[in-house]
Amino acid sequence: MPVQLLPETPSQTAGPYVHIGLALEAAGNPSREQEIGNVMAGPGAPGEHILLMGHLYDGNGQLIRDAFLEFWQANHEGAYDTGYALEKSFNCFGRTATTDVGEWTIHTVKPGVVKNALGLPMAAHINVSVFARGINIHLQTRLYFDDETEANAADPVLNLIEQPHRRESLIAKRCRVDGKLAYRFDIHLQGESETVFFDF
């Protein structure tokens, strides 16, 4: 009997459903005890603690208030850890949702340098997935840091972007929030300031 391959099923838009299942408080539901949230680095985590923050904009420049973002990064030494556990001081994975004012936040540590498959060092970066209504397949991008100018200039992924001015859409801007180190990273889904997205 010949093997029959099943066809791919169509993708579904995220809409509000992702909040109901993954960002309960954002959907107005009680939170669970075991929840992956926006605190990737607890107080005891080694490394330089930072706050990541930003807004998400649609193609008309309007804030998106019901989006969901996932973050995946190396630790401060440039190593990934695939085992998630709430009791750990640092996890390489985190999630957050945009608020009523369209802002998202993540508490983490600045990642170390990671080498790609060819052994080339990549600048400190964080991988970001964006889920929102009207998006059939989540979008993939990267967040780099504006105080890593030399490393960014040599980064093999950033250099794949043919238009140098478009690379700026992946650079988070250093700032201070309540006296603490922070980086602002606004994401534009479409339009003149569209963020560069990757096809993995």
Protein backbone atom coordinates (compact mmCIF):
# COMPACT_ATOMS: atom_id res chain seq x y z
CA MET A 1 0.00 0.00 0.00
CA PRO A 2 1.54 3.35 -1.00
CA VAL A 3 2.27 5.90 1.70
CA GLN A 4 -0.15 8.83 1.55
CA LEU A 5 1.16 12.15 2.80
CA LEU A 6 -1.31 14.44 4.48
CA PRO A 7 -1.50 17.94 2.99
CA GLU A 8 -0.65 20.98 5.09
CA THR A 9 -3.57 22.56 6.89
CA PRO A 10 -4.17 26.29 6.43
CA SER A 11 -2.71 28.64 9.02
CA GLN A 12 -5.08 30.49 11.31
CA THR A 13 -4.82 34.08 12.42
CA ALA A 14 -3.87 34.52 16.05
CA GLY A 15 -6.56 37.06 16.88
CA PRO A 16 -7.55 37.15 20.55
CA TYR A 17 -7.23 33.39 20.94
CA VAL A 18 -3.54 33.43 21.73
CA HIS A 19 -4.22 35.63 24.76
CA ILE A 20 -6.91 33.31 26.05
CA GLY A 21 -4.48 30.39 25.99
CA LEU A 22 -1.11 32.01 26.62
CA ALA A 23 -1.54 35.48 28.13
CA LEU A 24 -4.41 34.96 30.52
CA GLU A 25 -4.12 38.23 32.43
CA ALA A 26 -4.08 40.22 29.18
CA ALA A 27 -7.33 38.47 28.24
CA GLY A 28 -8.87 39.34 31.64
CA ASN A 29 -8.65 35.78 32.95
CA PRO A 30 -7.04 34.53 36.18
CA SER A 31 -3.40 33.55 35.75
CA ARG A 32 -2.05 30.03 36.35
CA GLU A 33 0.62 29.10 38.89
CA GLN A 34 2.86 27.63 36.18
CA GLU A 35 2.99 30.39 33.58
CA ILE A 36 5.72 31.43 31.14
CA GLY A 37 5.76 35.19 31.44
CA ASN A 38 7.79 38.29 30.75
CA VAL A 39 10.40 37.77 33.49
CA MET A 40 13.19 35.76 31.90
CA ALA A 41 15.80 36.83 34.47
CA GLY A 42 15.03 36.75 38.18
CA PRO A 43 16.93 38.79 40.80
CA GLY A 44 19.65 36.13 41.19
CA ALA A 45 20.37 35.68 37.48
CA PRO A 46 23.99 36.39 36.48
CA GLY A 47 24.65 39.00 33.80
CA GLU A 48 23.64 42.58 33.07
CA HIS A 49 19.95 42.95 33.87
CA ILE A 50 17.95 44.94 31.33
CA LEU A 51 14.38 45.91 30.60
CA LEU A 52 13.22 45.51 27.01
CA MET A 53 10.21 47.52 25.98
CA GLY A 54 8.45 48.71 22.89
CA HIS A 55 5.29 49.30 20.92
CA LEU A 56 3.83 47.36 18.03
CA TYR A 57 2.41 49.30 15.07
CA ASP A 58 0.29 48.28 12.11
CA GLY A 59 0.75 49.52 8.53
CA ASN A 60 -1.22 52.69 9.27
CA GLY A 61 0.96 53.58 12.25
CA GLN A 62 -1.75 52.61 14.73
CA LEU A 63 -0.87 50.81 17.97
CA ILE A 64 -1.71 47.11 18.14
CA ARG A 65 -3.12 46.40 21.59
CA ASP A 66 -3.78 42.67 21.37
CA ALA A 67 -0.53 41.22 20.01
CA PHE A 68 1.60 38.50 21.58
CA LEU A 69 5.39 38.22 21.44
CA GLU A 70 7.84 35.43 22.24
CA PHE A 71 11.55 35.93 22.95
CA TRP A 72 14.39 33.41 22.66
CA GLN A 73 17.98 34.31 23.58
CA ALA A 74 21.32 33.09 24.83
CA ASN A 75 22.39 33.72 28.42
CA HIS A 76 25.04 36.27 29.39
CA GLU A 77 27.79 33.82 28.37
CA GLY A 78 26.35 33.19 24.91
CA ALA A 79 24.87 29.75 25.65
CA TYR A 80 21.31 28.58 24.98
CA ASP A 81 19.49 26.40 27.49
CA THR A 82 16.49 24.55 26.09
CA GLY A 83 15.19 23.39 29.47
CA TYR A 84 12.57 25.77 30.85
CA ALA A 85 11.85 25.74 34.60
CA LEU A 86 10.13 28.47 36.60
CA GLU A 87 12.47 27.95 39.55
CA LYS A 88 15.58 28.78 37.51
CA SER A 89 17.05 32.25 37.91
CA PHE A 90 17.26 32.63 34.14
CA ASN A 91 15.34 31.07 31.26
CA CYS A 92 16.23 31.60 27.60
CA PHE A 93 12.54 31.87 26.66
CA GLY A 94 9.86 34.40 27.59
CA ARG A 95 6.46 35.68 26.48
CA THR A 96 4.58 38.93 26.74
CA ALA A 97 1.48 40.61 25.36
CA THR A 98 0.91 44.21 24.37
CA THR A 99 -1.13 46.21 26.87
CA ASP A 100 -4.04 48.59 26.43
CA VAL A 101 -1.52 51.28 25.47
CA GLY A 102 0.13 48.95 22.94
CA GLU A 103 3.34 48.45 24.94
CA TRP A 104 5.15 45.22 25.78
CA THR A 105 7.94 44.58 28.30
CA ILE A 106 10.47 41.82 29.02
CA HIS A 107 12.84 41.56 32.01
CA THR A 108 16.01 39.72 31.03
CA VAL A 109 19.81 39.93 30.87
CA LYS A 110 21.86 41.13 27.93
CA PRO A 111 22.85 38.06 25.91
CA GLY A 112 26.42 37.09 25.18
CA VAL A 113 27.98 36.48 21.77
CA VAL A 114 26.81 33.34 19.95
CA LYS A 115 28.55 31.72 16.96
CA ASN A 116 26.54 30.71 13.90
CA ALA A 117 26.74 27.35 12.11
CA LEU A 118 29.88 28.49 10.27
CA GLY A 119 31.60 29.44 13.52
CA LEU A 120 31.26 33.18 12.92
CA PRO A 121 30.43 35.30 15.97
CA MET A 122 27.07 37.08 15.92
CA ALA A 123 26.47 40.32 17.79
CA ALA A 124 24.41 40.13 20.96
CA HIS A 125 20.81 39.64 19.84
CA ILE A 126 17.42 38.28 20.85
CA ASN A 127 15.09 36.37 18.53
CA VAL A 128 11.52 37.68 18.51
CA SER A 129 8.31 36.07 17.23
CA VAL A 130 5.22 38.24 16.70
CA PHE A 131 1.64 36.94 16.75
CA ALA A 132 -1.28 39.25 15.99
CA ARG A 133 -4.66 39.36 14.31
CA GLY A 134 -4.43 39.36 10.53
CA ILE A 135 -1.08 37.53 10.56
CA ASN A 136 -1.49 34.01 9.17
CA ILE A 137 1.98 32.82 10.14
CA HIS A 138 3.86 34.44 13.02
CA LEU A 139 6.62 36.86 12.06
CA GLN A 140 10.26 36.31 12.99
CA THR A 141 12.72 39.11 13.64
CA ARG A 142 15.76 39.94 15.75
CA LEU A 143 16.56 42.61 18.29
CA TYR A 144 20.12 43.99 18.38
CA PHE A 145 21.57 46.64 20.72
CA ASP A 146 22.66 50.12 19.67
CA ASP A 147 25.63 50.13 22.05
CA GLU A 148 27.18 47.15 20.21
CA THR A 149 28.13 49.18 17.14
CA GLU A 150 31.31 47.29 16.19
CA ALA A 151 29.77 43.84 16.69
CA ASN A 152 26.62 44.86 14.80
CA ALA A 153 28.69 46.05 11.83
CA ALA A 154 30.30 42.61 11.58
CA ASP A 155 27.20 40.53 12.30
CA PRO A 156 26.66 37.98 9.50
CA VAL A 157 22.85 38.12 9.75
CA LEU A 158 22.57 41.91 9.79
CA ASN A 159 24.88 42.00 6.78
CA LEU A 160 22.46 39.79 4.83
CA ILE A 161 20.11 42.80 4.70
CA GLU A 162 21.09 44.46 1.43
CA GLN A 163 19.84 47.97 2.28
CA PRO A 164 21.98 49.25 5.20
CA HIS A 165 19.31 51.72 6.37
CA ARG A 166 16.86 48.80 6.84
CA ARG A 167 19.21 47.23 9.40
CA GLU A 168 18.31 50.10 11.73
CA SER A 169 14.83 48.59 12.14
CA LEU A 170 16.45 45.78 14.18
CA ILE A 171 18.40 48.01 16.57
CA ALA A 172 17.02 48.60 20.08
CA LYS A 173 17.80 52.02 21.55
CA ARG A 174 19.45 52.25 24.95
CA CYS A 175 17.63 54.34 27.59
CA ARG A 176 16.92 54.50 31.32
CA VAL A 177 13.61 53.67 32.98
CA ASP A 178 13.27 54.47 36.69
CA GLY A 179 17.05 54.62 36.88
CA LYS A 180 17.50 51.14 35.37
CA LEU A 181 19.08 50.13 32.08
CA ALA A 182 16.51 49.59 29.34
CA TYR A 183 16.28 49.25 25.57
CA ARG A 184 13.36 50.39 23.42
CA PHE A 185 12.48 48.29 20.38
CA ASP A 186 9.41 49.35 18.41
CA ILE A 187 8.12 46.90 15.81
CA HIS A 188 6.34 48.07 12.65
CA LEU A 189 4.44 45.35 10.79
CA GLN A 190 4.15 47.32 7.54
CA GLY A 191 4.70 50.76 6.07
CA GLU A 192 7.68 53.04 5.58
CA SER A 193 9.30 52.03 8.86
CA GLU A 194 8.57 48.30 8.47
CA THR A 195 10.75 46.09 10.64
CA VAL A 196 12.87 43.53 8.81
CA PHE A 197 11.38 40.06 9.21
CA PHE A 198 13.13 36.77 8.46
CA ASP A 199 11.96 33.56 6.84
CA PHE A 200 13.39 30.67 8.86
